[in-house]
Amino acid sequence: MKPICFKAIREYQKVNHFPGSFQIGRKDRLWRNLSHMQAVHSRREFDFVPQTFVLPADLLLFKRVFEELTDTKESKWIIKPPASARGQGIR
């Protein structure tokens, strides 16, 4: 729901969304916000988030990291489309 729509809600109406929740509801936007928080505060405070790449913007960085890690047995990758739900498109 767009923020402007919240202004049009009547007293008797109910909404099942929080304003601005689209900023964390999509994987790409969630990462953008978490990445910003890491830069502003500390990576240590956000070390629960795995390294993430949003393609195509991060393609060169992804290729470099992928090539560095492909020789290790610990290298595991999850590919998720940014605006999908219910596990659809995960590889």
N, C-alpha and C. Protein backbone atom coordinates (compact mmCIF):
# COMPACT_ATOMS: atom_id res chain seq x y z
N MET A 1 0.84 -1.17 0.00
CA MET A 1 0.00 0.00 0.00
C MET A 1 0.90 1.24 0.00
N LYS A 2 0.62 2.14 -0.89
CA LYS A 2 1.44 3.35 -0.99
C LYS A 2 1.14 4.28 0.17
N PRO A 3 2.18 4.99 0.67
CA PRO A 3 1.99 5.88 1.83
C PRO A 3 0.88 6.90 1.64
N ILE A 4 0.69 7.39 0.45
CA ILE A 4 -0.36 8.39 0.20
C ILE A 4 -1.75 7.82 0.47
N CYS A 5 -1.91 6.51 0.29
CA CYS A 5 -3.21 5.86 0.50
C CYS A 5 -3.61 5.86 1.97
N PHE A 6 -2.63 5.84 2.87
CA PHE A 6 -2.95 5.84 4.29
C PHE A 6 -3.68 7.11 4.71
N LYS A 7 -3.43 8.19 4.02
CA LYS A 7 -4.10 9.46 4.34
C LYS A 7 -5.59 9.42 4.00
N ALA A 8 -5.97 8.54 3.08
CA ALA A 8 -7.36 8.47 2.64
C ALA A 8 -8.20 7.48 3.45
N ILE A 9 -7.60 6.81 4.40
CA ILE A 9 -8.32 5.80 5.19
C ILE A 9 -9.29 6.50 6.14
N ARG A 10 -10.50 5.99 6.16
CA ARG A 10 -11.54 6.53 7.04
C ARG A 10 -11.41 5.93 8.44
N GLU A 11 -12.06 6.56 9.39
CA GLU A 11 -12.00 6.15 10.78
C GLU A 11 -12.47 4.71 10.99
N TYR A 12 -13.42 4.26 10.22
CA TYR A 12 -14.02 2.94 10.38
C TYR A 12 -13.29 1.86 9.58
N GLN A 13 -12.31 2.22 8.79
CA GLN A 13 -11.60 1.25 7.96
C GLN A 13 -10.39 0.67 8.69
N LYS A 14 -10.05 -0.56 8.30
CA LYS A 14 -8.88 -1.22 8.86
C LYS A 14 -7.94 -1.61 7.72
N VAL A 15 -6.67 -1.61 8.03
CA VAL A 15 -5.65 -1.94 7.03
C VAL A 15 -4.71 -2.97 7.64
N ASN A 16 -4.32 -3.95 6.84
CA ASN A 16 -3.42 -4.98 7.35
C ASN A 16 -1.98 -4.76 6.87
N HIS A 17 -1.60 -3.50 6.72
CA HIS A 17 -0.24 -3.14 6.31
C HIS A 17 0.29 -2.06 7.23
N PHE A 18 1.59 -2.01 7.35
CA PHE A 18 2.24 -0.93 8.08
C PHE A 18 2.83 0.03 7.06
N PRO A 19 2.75 1.33 7.30
CA PRO A 19 3.36 2.28 6.36
C PRO A 19 4.86 2.00 6.20
N GLY A 20 5.31 1.98 4.96
CA GLY A 20 6.73 1.77 4.68
C GLY A 20 7.20 0.34 4.73
N SER A 21 6.29 -0.62 4.98
CA SER A 21 6.72 -2.02 5.10
C SER A 21 7.25 -2.58 3.78
N PHE A 22 6.97 -1.92 2.66
CA PHE A 22 7.51 -2.37 1.38
C PHE A 22 9.03 -2.28 1.38
N GLN A 23 9.60 -1.49 2.30
CA GLN A 23 11.06 -1.36 2.37
C GLN A 23 11.72 -2.62 2.94
N ILE A 24 10.96 -3.45 3.61
CA ILE A 24 11.54 -4.70 4.13
C ILE A 24 10.81 -5.93 3.59
N GLY A 25 9.75 -5.73 2.86
CA GLY A 25 8.96 -6.85 2.35
C GLY A 25 9.54 -7.51 1.11
N ARG A 26 10.45 -6.85 0.44
CA ARG A 26 11.12 -7.44 -0.73
C ARG A 26 12.58 -7.68 -0.38
N LYS A 27 13.11 -8.80 -0.85
CA LYS A 27 14.47 -9.18 -0.49
C LYS A 27 15.51 -8.14 -0.92
N ASP A 28 15.33 -7.56 -2.09
CA ASP A 28 16.31 -6.57 -2.55
C ASP A 28 16.26 -5.29 -1.72
N ARG A 29 15.08 -4.85 -1.38
CA ARG A 29 14.96 -3.63 -0.57
C ARG A 29 15.40 -3.87 0.88
N LEU A 30 15.10 -5.06 1.39
CA LEU A 30 15.55 -5.40 2.74
C LEU A 30 17.08 -5.34 2.79
N TRP A 31 17.74 -5.94 1.79
CA TRP A 31 19.20 -5.92 1.78
C TRP A 31 19.73 -4.50 1.65
N ARG A 32 19.11 -3.69 0.81
CA ARG A 32 19.56 -2.31 0.65
C ARG A 32 19.51 -1.57 1.99
N ASN A 33 18.44 -1.77 2.74
CA ASN A 33 18.30 -1.11 4.04
C ASN A 33 19.28 -1.67 5.08
N LEU A 34 19.46 -2.99 5.10
CA LEU A 34 20.41 -3.58 6.04
C LEU A 34 21.84 -3.16 5.70
N SER A 35 22.15 -3.11 4.43
CA SER A 35 23.47 -2.68 3.99
C SER A 35 23.74 -1.24 4.42
N HIS A 36 22.74 -0.41 4.29
CA HIS A 36 22.88 0.98 4.73
C HIS A 36 23.13 1.04 6.24
N MET A 37 22.40 0.24 7.00
CA MET A 37 22.58 0.22 8.45
C MET A 37 23.97 -0.28 8.83
N GLN A 38 24.49 -1.25 8.08
CA GLN A 38 25.86 -1.73 8.33
C GLN A 38 26.86 -0.60 8.12
N ALA A 39 26.65 0.18 7.08
CA ALA A 39 27.57 1.28 6.77
C ALA A 39 27.47 2.39 7.82
N VAL A 40 26.27 2.67 8.29
CA VAL A 40 26.08 3.75 9.25
C VAL A 40 26.54 3.35 10.66
N HIS A 41 26.25 2.12 11.05
CA HIS A 41 26.54 1.70 12.42
C HIS A 41 27.77 0.81 12.45
N SER A 42 27.56 -0.46 12.34
CA SER A 42 28.68 -1.40 12.40
C SER A 42 28.27 -2.71 11.74
N ARG A 43 29.17 -3.28 10.97
CA ARG A 43 28.89 -4.59 10.37
C ARG A 43 28.67 -5.63 11.46
N ARG A 44 29.37 -5.46 12.57
CA ARG A 44 29.26 -6.42 13.67
C ARG A 44 27.84 -6.49 14.22
N GLU A 45 27.15 -5.35 14.22
CA GLU A 45 25.78 -5.32 14.72
C GLU A 45 24.81 -6.05 13.79
N PHE A 46 25.22 -6.25 12.55
CA PHE A 46 24.35 -6.87 11.55
C PHE A 46 25.00 -8.10 10.94
N ASP A 47 25.83 -8.81 11.71
CA ASP A 47 26.54 -9.96 11.17
C ASP A 47 25.65 -11.20 11.01
N PHE A 48 24.40 -11.10 11.39
CA PHE A 48 23.46 -12.21 11.20
C PHE A 48 22.97 -12.30 9.76
N VAL A 49 23.27 -11.30 8.96
CA VAL A 49 22.82 -11.26 7.57
C VAL A 49 23.93 -11.82 6.68
N PRO A 50 23.64 -12.84 5.88
CA PRO A 50 24.68 -13.37 4.99
C PRO A 50 25.03 -12.36 3.89
N GLN A 51 26.21 -12.53 3.33
CA GLN A 51 26.60 -11.65 2.23
C GLN A 51 25.57 -11.80 1.12
N THR A 52 25.12 -10.67 0.61
CA THR A 52 24.02 -10.65 -0.35
C THR A 52 24.40 -9.81 -1.55
N PHE A 53 23.92 -10.24 -2.71
CA PHE A 53 24.17 -9.51 -3.95
C PHE A 53 22.84 -9.29 -4.65
N VAL A 54 22.60 -8.07 -5.07
CA VAL A 54 21.40 -7.74 -5.84
C VAL A 54 21.86 -7.55 -7.28
N LEU A 55 21.40 -8.45 -8.14
CA LEU A 55 21.81 -8.41 -9.54
C LEU A 55 20.79 -7.64 -10.37
N PRO A 56 21.20 -6.94 -11.38
CA PRO A 56 22.54 -6.90 -11.98
C PRO A 56 23.47 -5.87 -11.36
N ALA A 57 23.01 -5.07 -10.41
CA ALA A 57 23.84 -3.99 -9.87
C ALA A 57 25.14 -4.50 -9.25
N ASP A 58 25.10 -5.65 -8.59
CA ASP A 58 26.27 -6.19 -7.90
C ASP A 58 26.98 -7.29 -8.68
N LEU A 59 26.76 -7.37 -9.96
CA LEU A 59 27.27 -8.48 -10.76
C LEU A 59 28.79 -8.62 -10.68
N LEU A 60 29.53 -7.54 -10.84
CA LEU A 60 31.00 -7.63 -10.81
C LEU A 60 31.50 -8.10 -9.44
N LEU A 61 30.93 -7.56 -8.37
CA LEU A 61 31.32 -7.98 -7.03
C LEU A 61 30.95 -9.45 -6.82
N PHE A 62 29.77 -9.85 -7.26
CA PHE A 62 29.35 -11.24 -7.13
C PHE A 62 30.32 -12.17 -7.85
N LYS A 63 30.69 -11.84 -9.07
CA LYS A 63 31.62 -12.68 -9.84
C LYS A 63 32.95 -12.84 -9.11
N ARG A 64 33.45 -11.75 -8.56
CA ARG A 64 34.73 -11.80 -7.85
C ARG A 64 34.64 -12.71 -6.63
N VAL A 65 33.62 -12.53 -5.82
CA VAL A 65 33.45 -13.33 -4.61
C VAL A 65 33.17 -14.79 -4.97
N PHE A 66 32.35 -15.01 -5.99
CA PHE A 66 32.03 -16.37 -6.42
C PHE A 66 33.29 -17.11 -6.84
N GLU A 67 34.13 -16.45 -7.62
CA GLU A 67 35.38 -17.08 -8.07
C GLU A 67 36.31 -17.38 -6.90
N GLU A 68 36.34 -16.50 -5.91
CA GLU A 68 37.18 -16.73 -4.73
C GLU A 68 36.70 -17.91 -3.91
N LEU A 69 35.39 -18.13 -3.86
CA LEU A 69 34.82 -19.15 -2.98
C LEU A 69 34.48 -20.47 -3.66
N THR A 70 34.53 -20.55 -4.97
CA THR A 70 34.10 -21.78 -5.64
C THR A 70 35.00 -22.97 -5.33
N ASP A 71 36.23 -22.74 -4.95
CA ASP A 71 37.13 -23.84 -4.64
C ASP A 71 36.92 -24.41 -3.24
N THR A 72 36.20 -23.70 -2.40
CA THR A 72 35.98 -24.20 -1.04
C THR A 72 34.73 -25.06 -1.00
N LYS A 73 34.77 -26.09 -0.17
CA LYS A 73 33.61 -26.98 -0.04
C LYS A 73 32.48 -26.32 0.74
N GLU A 74 32.79 -25.26 1.45
CA GLU A 74 31.79 -24.56 2.24
C GLU A 74 30.97 -23.57 1.42
N SER A 75 31.25 -23.46 0.17
CA SER A 75 30.57 -22.48 -0.68
C SER A 75 29.17 -22.98 -1.04
N LYS A 76 28.17 -22.28 -0.51
CA LYS A 76 26.77 -22.60 -0.82
C LYS A 76 26.09 -21.31 -1.23
N TRP A 77 25.23 -21.39 -2.23
CA TRP A 77 24.58 -20.20 -2.76
C TRP A 77 23.08 -20.42 -2.83
N ILE A 78 22.34 -19.39 -2.50
CA ILE A 78 20.88 -19.41 -2.63
C ILE A 78 20.52 -18.28 -3.58
N ILE A 79 19.72 -18.61 -4.58
CA ILE A 79 19.27 -17.60 -5.55
C ILE A 79 17.78 -17.38 -5.33
N LYS A 80 17.42 -16.12 -5.09
CA LYS A 80 16.02 -15.77 -4.84
C LYS A 80 15.62 -14.60 -5.73
N PRO A 81 14.47 -14.70 -6.37
CA PRO A 81 13.96 -13.52 -7.10
C PRO A 81 13.52 -12.47 -6.08
N PRO A 82 13.66 -11.19 -6.39
CA PRO A 82 13.39 -10.14 -5.40
C PRO A 82 11.93 -9.97 -5.00
N ALA A 83 11.00 -10.24 -5.89
CA ALA A 83 9.59 -9.93 -5.59
C ALA A 83 8.72 -11.17 -5.69
N SER A 84 9.21 -12.28 -5.21
CA SER A 84 8.43 -13.51 -5.25
C SER A 84 8.05 -13.88 -3.81
N ALA A 85 7.16 -14.85 -3.68
CA ALA A 85 6.71 -15.24 -2.34
C ALA A 85 6.50 -16.75 -2.28
N ARG A 86 6.35 -17.24 -1.07
CA ARG A 86 6.05 -18.65 -0.81
C ARG A 86 7.11 -19.59 -1.38
N GLY A 87 8.35 -19.14 -1.44
CA GLY A 87 9.44 -20.00 -1.89
C GLY A 87 9.53 -20.19 -3.39
N GLN A 88 8.70 -19.50 -4.14
CA GLN A 88 8.72 -19.66 -5.59
C GLN A 88 9.97 -19.01 -6.17
N GLY A 89 10.65 -19.74 -7.05
CA GLY A 89 11.81 -19.21 -7.74
C GLY A 89 13.13 -19.38 -7.00
N ILE A 90 13.10 -19.97 -5.80
CA ILE A 90 14.35 -20.18 -5.06
C ILE A 90 15.08 -21.38 -5.65
N ARG A 91 16.39 -21.17 -5.88
CA ARG A 91 17.22 -22.27 -6.40
C ARG A 91 18.45 -22.39 -5.53
